[in-house]
Amino acid sequence: MPELPPIVDLRQSATALRVQRGVMRMLRERHDMACYAEVPLSNGRRADVLAVGPKGEIWIIEIKSSLVDFQVDRKWPEYRAYSDKFFFAKPPELDAEIFPASEGLIVADGHDGAILRDSPDTPLAPARRKALMLKLARLGADRIHILMDPGPK
């Protein structure tokens, strides 16, 4: 079996992948955002979706596919330092009440999504924004290269 591109690492459940697709479609179509899936951050965490808006704003979306998925996750507060806005994303069948009211919330399925609750703005420091933008430019170019030339590095 050929090696999968870094955007598909088989750690996501089928539900999480459906939510990811709907979130990314909604952000692109309604908010003019470019989306990256599975973005490694300098703190060792991995953002499920990282979106960049037309003015350089950065949003991180943490996908939760079930109650247990949310209950065992204690890392989500660490994403705040890497985004101007932070959202949870959930499938339609997951109860919205489990998520902290202080955070943004998106509902999505495999076709579309909607923002149920906006996220507070927490502007990034200029140096962090610059480092993230450089990382995203390189990550995007690397992913395109792998798709064009899937052979060994």
C-alpha atoms as a PDB file:
ATOM      1  CA  MET A   1       0.000   0.000   0.000  1.00  0.00           C
ATOM      2  CA  PRO A   2       1.461   3.419  -0.939  1.00  0.00           C
ATOM      3  CA  GLU A   3       2.201   5.931   1.797  1.00  0.00           C
ATOM      4  CA  LEU A   4      -0.710   8.274   2.388  1.00  0.00           C
ATOM      5  CA  PRO A   5      -0.283  12.038   2.089  1.00  0.00           C
ATOM      6  CA  PRO A   6       0.186  13.764   5.472  1.00  0.00           C
ATOM      7  CA  ILE A   7      -3.390  15.048   5.396  1.00  0.00           C
ATOM      8  CA  VAL A   8      -4.733  11.493   5.708  1.00  0.00           C
ATOM      9  CA  ASP A   9      -3.077   9.668   8.589  1.00  0.00           C
ATOM     10  CA  LEU A  10      -5.840   7.187   9.498  1.00  0.00           C
ATOM     11  CA  ARG A  11      -6.163   8.536  13.071  1.00  0.00           C
ATOM     12  CA  GLN A  12      -9.530  10.124  12.355  1.00  0.00           C
ATOM     13  CA  SER A  13     -12.808   8.273  12.687  1.00  0.00           C
ATOM     14  CA  ALA A  14     -15.270   8.239   9.796  1.00  0.00           C
ATOM     15  CA  THR A  15     -17.422  10.692  11.776  1.00  0.00           C
ATOM     16  CA  ALA A  16     -14.489  13.065  12.330  1.00  0.00           C
ATOM     17  CA  LEU A  17     -13.635  12.980   8.617  1.00  0.00           C
ATOM     18  CA  ARG A  18     -17.235  13.847   7.711  1.00  0.00           C
ATOM     19  CA  VAL A  19     -17.232  16.753  10.158  1.00  0.00           C
ATOM     20  CA  GLN A  20     -13.868  17.910   8.810  1.00  0.00           C
ATOM     21  CA  ARG A  21     -15.191  17.928   5.250  1.00  0.00           C
ATOM     22  CA  GLY A  22     -18.309  19.925   6.174  1.00  0.00           C
ATOM     23  CA  VAL A  23     -16.298  22.409   8.257  1.00  0.00           C
ATOM     24  CA  MET A  24     -13.796  23.000   5.475  1.00  0.00           C
ATOM     25  CA  ARG A  25     -16.522  23.422   2.852  1.00  0.00           C
ATOM     26  CA  MET A  26     -18.418  25.911   5.014  1.00  0.00           C
ATOM     27  CA  LEU A  27     -15.304  27.948   5.849  1.00  0.00           C
ATOM     28  CA  ARG A  28     -14.232  28.104   2.220  1.00  0.00           C
ATOM     29  CA  GLU A  29     -17.645  28.854   0.731  1.00  0.00           C
ATOM     30  CA  ARG A  30     -19.055  31.269   3.313  1.00  0.00           C
ATOM     31  CA  HIS A  31     -15.992  32.802   4.937  1.00  0.00           C
ATOM     32  CA  ASP A  32     -13.434  32.786   2.076  1.00  0.00           C
ATOM     33  CA  MET A  33     -10.952  30.844   4.204  1.00  0.00           C
ATOM     34  CA  ALA A  34      -8.187  28.544   2.997  1.00  0.00           C
ATOM     35  CA  CYS A  35      -8.190  25.397   5.118  1.00  0.00           C
ATOM     36  CA  TYR A  36      -5.465  22.991   6.139  1.00  0.00           C
ATOM     37  CA  ALA A  37      -6.215  19.641   7.775  1.00  0.00           C
ATOM     38  CA  GLU A  38      -4.000  18.032  10.418  1.00  0.00           C
ATOM     39  CA  VAL A  39      -1.527  20.856  11.032  1.00  0.00           C
ATOM     40  CA  PRO A  40       1.337  20.141  13.449  1.00  0.00           C
ATOM     41  CA  LEU A  41       2.012  23.061  15.789  1.00  0.00           C
ATOM     42  CA  SER A  42       5.282  24.032  17.471  1.00  0.00           C
ATOM     43  CA  ASN A  43       3.910  23.006  20.894  1.00  0.00           C
ATOM     44  CA  GLY A  44       3.659  19.374  19.719  1.00  0.00           C
ATOM     45  CA  ARG A  45      -0.115  19.467  19.195  1.00  0.00           C
ATOM     46  CA  ARG A  46      -1.910  18.933  15.896  1.00  0.00           C
ATOM     47  CA  ALA A  47      -4.790  21.160  14.790  1.00  0.00           C
ATOM     48  CA  ASP A  48      -7.627  19.220  13.148  1.00  0.00           C
ATOM     49  CA  VAL A  49      -8.407  22.183  10.877  1.00  0.00           C
ATOM     50  CA  LEU A  50      -6.490  25.436  10.624  1.00  0.00           C
ATOM     51  CA  ALA A  51      -8.088  28.113   8.436  1.00  0.00           C
ATOM     52  CA  VAL A  52      -6.600  31.342   7.104  1.00  0.00           C
ATOM     53  CA  GLY A  53      -8.896  34.203   6.172  1.00  0.00           C
ATOM     54  CA  PRO A  54      -8.468  36.843   3.474  1.00  0.00           C
ATOM     55  CA  LYS A  55      -6.962  39.327   5.954  1.00  0.00           C
ATOM     56  CA  GLY A  56      -4.593  36.779   7.492  1.00  0.00           C
ATOM     57  CA  GLU A  57      -6.802  35.818  10.412  1.00  0.00           C
ATOM     58  CA  ILE A  58      -6.164  32.307  11.728  1.00  0.00           C
ATOM     59  CA  TRP A  59      -8.845  30.022  13.128  1.00  0.00           C
ATOM     60  CA  ILE A  60      -8.321  26.593  14.655  1.00  0.00           C
ATOM     61  CA  ILE A  61     -11.144  24.089  14.696  1.00  0.00           C
ATOM     62  CA  GLU A  62     -10.969  21.083  17.038  1.00  0.00           C
ATOM     63  CA  ILE A  63     -13.243  18.253  15.899  1.00  0.00           C
ATOM     64  CA  LYS A  64     -15.035  16.165  18.502  1.00  0.00           C
ATOM     65  CA  SER A  65     -16.901  13.172  17.127  1.00  0.00           C
ATOM     66  CA  SER A  66     -18.400  11.836  20.373  1.00  0.00           C
ATOM     67  CA  LEU A  67     -18.935  12.565  24.052  1.00  0.00           C
ATOM     68  CA  VAL A  68     -16.022  10.308  24.991  1.00  0.00           C
ATOM     69  CA  ASP A  69     -13.774  12.060  22.457  1.00  0.00           C
ATOM     70  CA  PHE A  70     -14.522  15.361  24.206  1.00  0.00           C
ATOM     71  CA  GLN A  71     -14.269  13.969  27.747  1.00  0.00           C
ATOM     72  CA  VAL A  72     -10.789  12.494  27.302  1.00  0.00           C
ATOM     73  CA  ASP A  73      -9.342  15.565  25.561  1.00  0.00           C
ATOM     74  CA  ARG A  74      -7.508  17.926  27.883  1.00  0.00           C
ATOM     75  CA  LYS A  75      -5.261  19.515  25.248  1.00  0.00           C
ATOM     76  CA  TRP A  76      -7.734  21.826  23.546  1.00  0.00           C
ATOM     77  CA  PRO A  77      -6.912  24.953  25.628  1.00  0.00           C
ATOM     78  CA  GLU A  78      -3.409  24.866  24.141  1.00  0.00           C
ATOM     79  CA  TYR A  79      -4.760  25.766  20.678  1.00  0.00           C
ATOM     80  CA  ARG A  80      -5.820  29.252  21.801  1.00  0.00           C
ATOM     81  CA  ALA A  81      -2.221  30.498  21.661  1.00  0.00           C
ATOM     82  CA  TYR A  82      -2.062  29.581  17.955  1.00  0.00           C
ATOM     83  CA  SER A  83      -5.249  31.165  16.667  1.00  0.00           C
ATOM     84  CA  ASP A  84      -7.229  34.384  16.522  1.00  0.00           C
ATOM     85  CA  LYS A  85     -10.391  32.305  17.006  1.00  0.00           C
ATOM     86  CA  PHE A  86     -10.897  28.791  18.341  1.00  0.00           C
ATOM     87  CA  PHE A  87     -13.908  26.581  17.630  1.00  0.00           C
ATOM     88  CA  PHE A  88     -15.060  23.104  18.456  1.00  0.00           C
ATOM     89  CA  ALA A  89     -16.797  21.272  15.618  1.00  0.00           C
ATOM     90  CA  LYS A  90     -19.308  18.507  16.208  1.00  0.00           C
ATOM     91  CA  PRO A  91     -21.578  16.220  14.206  1.00  0.00           C
ATOM     92  CA  PRO A  92     -25.322  17.020  14.302  1.00  0.00           C
ATOM     93  CA  GLU A  93     -26.098  14.121  16.643  1.00  0.00           C
ATOM     94  CA  LEU A  94     -23.684  15.240  19.389  1.00  0.00           C
ATOM     95  CA  ASP A  95     -25.220  17.416  22.129  1.00  0.00           C
ATOM     96  CA  ALA A  96     -23.984  21.022  21.908  1.00  0.00           C
ATOM     97  CA  GLU A  97     -24.390  21.464  25.681  1.00  0.00           C
ATOM     98  CA  ILE A  98     -21.224  19.455  26.435  1.00  0.00           C
ATOM     99  CA  PHE A  99     -18.986  22.173  24.975  1.00  0.00           C
ATOM    100  CA  PRO A 100     -17.765  25.158  27.006  1.00  0.00           C
ATOM    101  CA  ALA A 101     -19.904  28.245  26.391  1.00  0.00           C
ATOM    102  CA  SER A 102     -16.705  30.317  26.281  1.00  0.00           C
ATOM    103  CA  GLU A 103     -15.596  28.714  23.006  1.00  0.00           C
ATOM    104  CA  GLY A 104     -16.872  28.888  19.451  1.00  0.00           C
ATOM    105  CA  LEU A 105     -18.975  25.991  18.168  1.00  0.00           C
ATOM    106  CA  ILE A 106     -19.608  24.630  14.676  1.00  0.00           C
ATOM    107  CA  VAL A 107     -21.961  21.841  13.623  1.00  0.00           C
ATOM    108  CA  ALA A 108     -21.088  19.990  10.427  1.00  0.00           C
ATOM    109  CA  ASP A 109     -21.801  16.868   8.450  1.00  0.00           C
ATOM    110  CA  GLY A 110     -20.143  15.580   5.283  1.00  0.00           C
ATOM    111  CA  HIS A 111     -21.760  18.262   3.123  1.00  0.00           C
ATOM    112  CA  ASP A 112     -21.837  21.562   4.992  1.00  0.00           C
ATOM    113  CA  GLY A 113     -21.541  23.259   8.344  1.00  0.00           C
ATOM    114  CA  ALA A 114     -22.803  26.199  10.364  1.00  0.00           C
ATOM    115  CA  ILE A 115     -21.400  28.332  13.154  1.00  0.00           C
ATOM    116  CA  LEU A 116     -23.677  27.853  16.157  1.00  0.00           C
ATOM    117  CA  ARG A 117     -21.664  30.136  18.437  1.00  0.00           C
ATOM    118  CA  ASP A 118     -18.928  32.569  17.444  1.00  0.00           C
ATOM    119  CA  SER A 119     -15.534  32.482  19.101  1.00  0.00           C
ATOM    120  CA  PRO A 120     -14.122  35.411  21.012  1.00  0.00           C
ATOM    121  CA  ASP A 121     -11.297  37.208  19.206  1.00  0.00           C
ATOM    122  CA  THR A 122      -7.881  36.543  20.737  1.00  0.00           C
ATOM    123  CA  PRO A 123      -5.431  38.234  18.333  1.00  0.00           C
ATOM    124  CA  LEU A 124      -2.137  36.467  17.785  1.00  0.00           C
ATOM    125  CA  ALA A 125       1.153  38.164  18.528  1.00  0.00           C
ATOM    126  CA  PRO A 126       2.814  39.332  15.266  1.00  0.00           C
ATOM    127  CA  ALA A 127       5.815  36.994  15.670  1.00  0.00           C
ATOM    128  CA  ARG A 128       3.574  33.952  16.205  1.00  0.00           C
ATOM    129  CA  ARG A 129       1.419  34.931  13.194  1.00  0.00           C
ATOM    130  CA  LYS A 130       4.510  35.257  10.987  1.00  0.00           C
ATOM    131  CA  ALA A 131       5.866  31.883  12.129  1.00  0.00           C
ATOM    132  CA  LEU A 132       2.509  30.190  11.519  1.00  0.00           C
ATOM    133  CA  MET A 133       2.122  31.732   8.053  1.00  0.00           C
ATOM    134  CA  LEU A 134       5.599  30.549   7.081  1.00  0.00           C
ATOM    135  CA  LYS A 135       4.808  27.067   8.383  1.00  0.00           C
ATOM    136  CA  LEU A 136       1.531  26.981   6.432  1.00  0.00           C
ATOM    137  CA  ALA A 137       3.185  28.120   3.199  1.00  0.00           C
ATOM    138  CA  ARG A 138       5.779  25.352   3.506  1.00  0.00           C
ATOM    139  CA  LEU A 139       3.204  22.750   4.575  1.00  0.00           C
ATOM    140  CA  GLY A 140       0.973  23.575   1.612  1.00  0.00           C
ATOM    141  CA  ALA A 141       3.854  23.385  -0.833  1.00  0.00           C
ATOM    142  CA  ASP A 142       5.037  20.072   0.649  1.00  0.00           C
ATOM    143  CA  ARG A 143       1.548  18.569   0.373  1.00  0.00           C
ATOM    144  CA  ILE A 144       1.241  19.628  -3.261  1.00  0.00           C
ATOM    145  CA  HIS A 145       4.685  18.178  -3.975  1.00  0.00           C
ATOM    146  CA  ILE A 146       3.703  14.817  -2.420  1.00  0.00           C
ATOM    147  CA  LEU A 147       0.567  14.722  -4.565  1.00  0.00           C
ATOM    148  CA  MET A 148       2.555  15.542  -7.701  1.00  0.00           C
ATOM    149  CA  ASP A 149       5.501  13.274  -6.912  1.00  0.00           C
ATOM    150  CA  PRO A 150       4.523  10.576  -4.394  1.00  0.00           C
ATOM    151  CA  GLY A 151       7.881   8.783  -4.674  1.00  0.00           C
ATOM    152  CA  PRO A 152      10.659   8.808  -2.063  1.00  0.00           C
ATOM    153  CA  LYS A 153      12.011  12.121  -0.810  1.00  0.00           C
END
